[in-house]
């Protein structure tokens, strides 16, 4: 059987990862010991994983996080930050987000509120939620500019599609 037409069809169907996985399997002599179902499962898993990774990359890019590499696993709960392990576990579970609840992080300057917010945003992206990080002074400027340009409704529509809106530096700039 000729494999090239099948590989071209997979690429035409935008299943290039499956095509690459199939080609790689053909070059690996150990794959011949696996059944058709096992080999096909590996190919489908490769495509699924690739799509999940692309979706996560897109969600993280769209989130515009201040700390894009912030991760909840890197957060060190401590009393000085006012954060204990139970609270962190509750925040990372994401139930508050699924229940459409709000969260306010408050504390002294330099304790890591922005980092924690970005880590929670990153965690939400991994769970498939749309996230957007905004500094409040800049958001107010964007809203004023959008109102003046006539694109206010469009900006509000874009913000309404976000499932987790991170508003940072609240109170740093003056209200307009």
Protein backbone atom coordinates (compact mmCIF):
# COMPACT_ATOMS: atom_id res chain seq x y z
CA UNK A 1 0.00 0.00 0.00
CA UNK A 2 1.25 3.47 -0.82
CA UNK A 3 1.44 5.65 2.26
CA UNK A 4 2.13 8.98 0.56
CA UNK A 5 -1.47 9.61 -0.63
CA UNK A 6 -2.75 8.85 2.86
CA UNK A 7 -0.22 11.22 4.40
CA UNK A 8 -1.24 13.94 1.95
CA UNK A 9 -4.91 13.39 2.86
CA UNK A 10 -4.09 13.67 6.56
CA UNK A 11 -2.33 16.97 5.89
CA UNK A 12 -5.31 18.16 3.81
CA UNK A 13 -7.58 17.32 6.76
CA UNK A 14 -5.25 19.35 9.01
CA UNK A 15 -4.14 16.24 10.86
CA UNK A 16 -0.44 16.85 10.31
CA UNK A 17 0.56 15.54 13.75
CA UNK A 18 -1.19 12.26 12.97
CA UNK A 19 0.67 12.10 9.65
CA UNK A 20 3.98 12.76 11.38
CA UNK A 21 3.23 10.16 14.09
CA UNK A 22 2.31 7.59 11.45
CA UNK A 23 5.53 8.29 9.53
CA UNK A 24 7.55 7.99 12.75
CA UNK A 25 5.85 4.69 13.57
CA UNK A 26 6.77 3.35 10.13
CA UNK A 27 10.44 4.06 10.83
CA UNK A 28 10.41 2.45 14.29
CA UNK A 29 10.88 -1.35 14.10
CA UNK A 30 9.50 -1.84 17.63
CA UNK A 31 6.08 -0.54 16.51
CA UNK A 32 5.51 -3.70 14.46
CA UNK A 33 5.04 -5.61 17.72
CA UNK A 34 2.00 -3.50 18.60
CA UNK A 35 -1.50 -4.25 17.34
CA UNK A 36 -3.29 -1.95 14.93
CA UNK A 37 -5.51 -0.63 17.74
CA UNK A 38 -2.49 0.21 19.93
CA UNK A 39 -0.68 1.97 17.09
CA UNK A 40 -3.78 3.88 16.07
CA UNK A 41 -4.34 4.87 19.70
CA UNK A 42 -0.82 6.30 19.88
CA UNK A 43 -1.41 8.30 16.70
CA UNK A 44 -4.71 9.72 17.96
CA UNK A 45 -3.12 10.52 21.35
CA UNK A 46 -0.35 12.47 19.60
CA UNK A 47 -2.92 14.56 17.65
CA UNK A 48 -5.03 15.15 20.76
CA UNK A 49 -2.03 16.23 22.83
CA UNK A 50 -0.87 18.57 20.07
CA UNK A 51 -4.29 20.23 19.87
CA UNK A 52 -4.45 20.60 23.65
CA UNK A 53 -1.02 22.22 23.67
CA UNK A 54 -1.95 24.61 20.85
CA UNK A 55 -5.14 25.59 22.67
CA UNK A 56 -3.21 26.23 25.89
CA UNK A 57 -0.64 28.32 24.00
CA UNK A 58 -3.44 30.39 22.44
CA UNK A 59 -5.23 30.88 25.77
CA UNK A 60 -1.99 31.95 27.47
CA UNK A 61 -1.13 34.34 24.64
CA UNK A 62 -4.61 35.87 24.72
CA UNK A 63 -4.44 36.20 28.53
CA UNK A 64 -1.53 38.67 28.27
CA UNK A 65 -0.36 37.73 31.76
CA UNK A 66 2.19 40.03 33.39
CA UNK A 67 4.09 36.91 34.51
CA UNK A 68 3.37 34.38 31.73
CA UNK A 69 5.47 31.64 33.38
CA UNK A 70 3.84 32.03 36.81
CA UNK A 71 2.67 28.65 38.06
CA UNK A 72 0.60 27.73 41.11
CA UNK A 73 3.05 24.91 41.81
CA UNK A 74 5.77 27.52 42.38
CA UNK A 75 3.80 29.51 44.98
CA UNK A 76 5.18 29.15 48.49
CA UNK A 77 2.33 29.57 51.00
CA UNK A 78 3.49 31.42 54.10
CA UNK A 79 2.05 33.33 57.02
CA UNK A 80 3.90 36.50 56.01
CA UNK A 81 1.99 36.49 52.72
CA UNK A 82 -1.28 35.68 54.47
CA UNK A 83 -1.70 32.52 52.41
CA UNK A 84 -1.84 28.98 53.73
CA UNK A 85 -1.84 25.64 51.90
CA UNK A 86 -5.58 25.05 52.35
CA UNK A 87 -6.46 28.42 50.80
CA UNK A 88 -4.08 27.85 47.91
CA UNK A 89 -5.53 24.39 47.29
CA UNK A 90 -9.04 25.88 47.29
CA UNK A 91 -8.01 28.63 44.85
CA UNK A 92 -6.29 26.21 42.46
CA UNK A 93 -9.25 23.83 42.37
CA UNK A 94 -11.09 26.41 40.28
CA UNK A 95 -14.50 25.81 41.84
CA UNK A 96 -14.83 29.52 42.55
CA UNK A 97 -14.34 30.18 38.83
CA UNK A 98 -16.86 27.52 37.77
CA UNK A 99 -19.38 29.02 40.19
CA UNK A 100 -18.79 32.50 38.70
CA UNK A 101 -17.51 33.94 41.97
CA UNK A 102 -15.07 36.81 42.36
CA UNK A 103 -11.78 36.82 44.20
CA UNK A 104 -9.96 39.80 45.63
CA UNK A 105 -6.27 39.48 46.51
CA UNK A 106 -5.12 42.11 48.95
CA UNK A 107 -1.95 42.61 50.89
CA UNK A 108 1.13 44.71 51.36
CA UNK A 109 3.24 45.85 48.46
CA UNK A 110 5.72 43.20 47.37
CA UNK A 111 4.06 40.11 48.84
CA UNK A 112 3.34 38.69 45.36
CA UNK A 113 -0.31 39.50 44.67
CA UNK A 114 0.34 40.02 40.95
CA UNK A 115 2.35 36.81 40.71
CA UNK A 116 -0.34 34.80 42.50
CA UNK A 117 -3.04 36.31 40.27
CA UNK A 118 -1.04 35.41 37.15
CA UNK A 119 -0.40 31.90 38.48
CA UNK A 120 -4.14 31.46 39.08
CA UNK A 121 -4.76 32.81 35.57
CA UNK A 122 -2.26 30.34 34.13
CA UNK A 123 -3.98 27.55 36.07
CA UNK A 124 -7.37 28.65 34.68
CA UNK A 125 -5.95 28.57 31.14
CA UNK A 126 -4.74 25.01 31.72
CA UNK A 127 -8.32 24.14 32.66
CA UNK A 128 -9.59 25.68 29.42
CA UNK A 129 -10.91 29.02 30.70
CA UNK A 130 -10.45 32.33 28.90
CA UNK A 131 -8.38 34.73 30.97
CA UNK A 132 -7.35 38.36 30.53
CA UNK A 133 -4.87 40.32 32.63
CA UNK A 134 -5.35 44.10 32.78
CA UNK A 135 -3.73 46.85 34.79
CA UNK A 136 -6.63 49.01 35.98
CA UNK A 137 -5.11 52.39 35.00
CA UNK A 138 -4.46 51.10 31.48
CA UNK A 139 -7.95 49.56 31.29
CA UNK A 140 -9.50 52.91 32.21
CA UNK A 141 -7.45 54.58 29.48
CA UNK A 142 -8.56 51.94 26.95
CA UNK A 143 -12.20 52.39 27.97
CA UNK A 144 -11.99 56.18 27.62
CA UNK A 145 -10.27 55.87 24.25
CA UNK A 146 -12.81 53.31 23.03
CA UNK A 147 -15.66 55.56 24.08
CA UNK A 148 -14.11 58.47 22.16
CA UNK A 149 -13.47 56.33 19.06
CA UNK A 150 -16.91 54.73 19.10
CA UNK A 151 -15.60 51.20 19.73
CA UNK A 152 -16.78 51.06 23.35
CA UNK A 153 -19.37 48.35 22.68
CA UNK A 154 -16.79 46.23 20.87
CA UNK A 155 -14.36 46.49 23.80
CA UNK A 156 -17.09 45.57 26.28
CA UNK A 157 -18.08 42.60 24.11
CA UNK A 158 -14.46 41.41 24.11
CA UNK A 159 -14.27 41.74 27.89
CA UNK A 160 -17.56 39.89 28.35
CA UNK A 161 -16.15 36.79 26.63
CA UNK A 162 -13.46 36.46 29.29
CA UNK A 163 -14.18 34.00 32.09
CA UNK A 164 -11.45 35.32 34.42
CA UNK A 165 -10.57 39.00 34.35
CA UNK A 166 -7.51 39.85 36.41
CA UNK A 167 -7.53 43.50 37.43
CA UNK A 168 -4.13 44.45 38.77
CA UNK A 169 -2.78 47.66 40.33
CA UNK A 170 -6.21 48.69 41.55
CA UNK A 171 -5.79 52.00 43.34
CA UNK A 172 -2.35 52.79 41.91
CA UNK A 173 -3.70 55.33 39.42
CA UNK A 174 -6.43 57.86 39.93
CA UNK A 175 -10.02 57.23 38.94
CA UNK A 176 -11.22 59.15 35.90
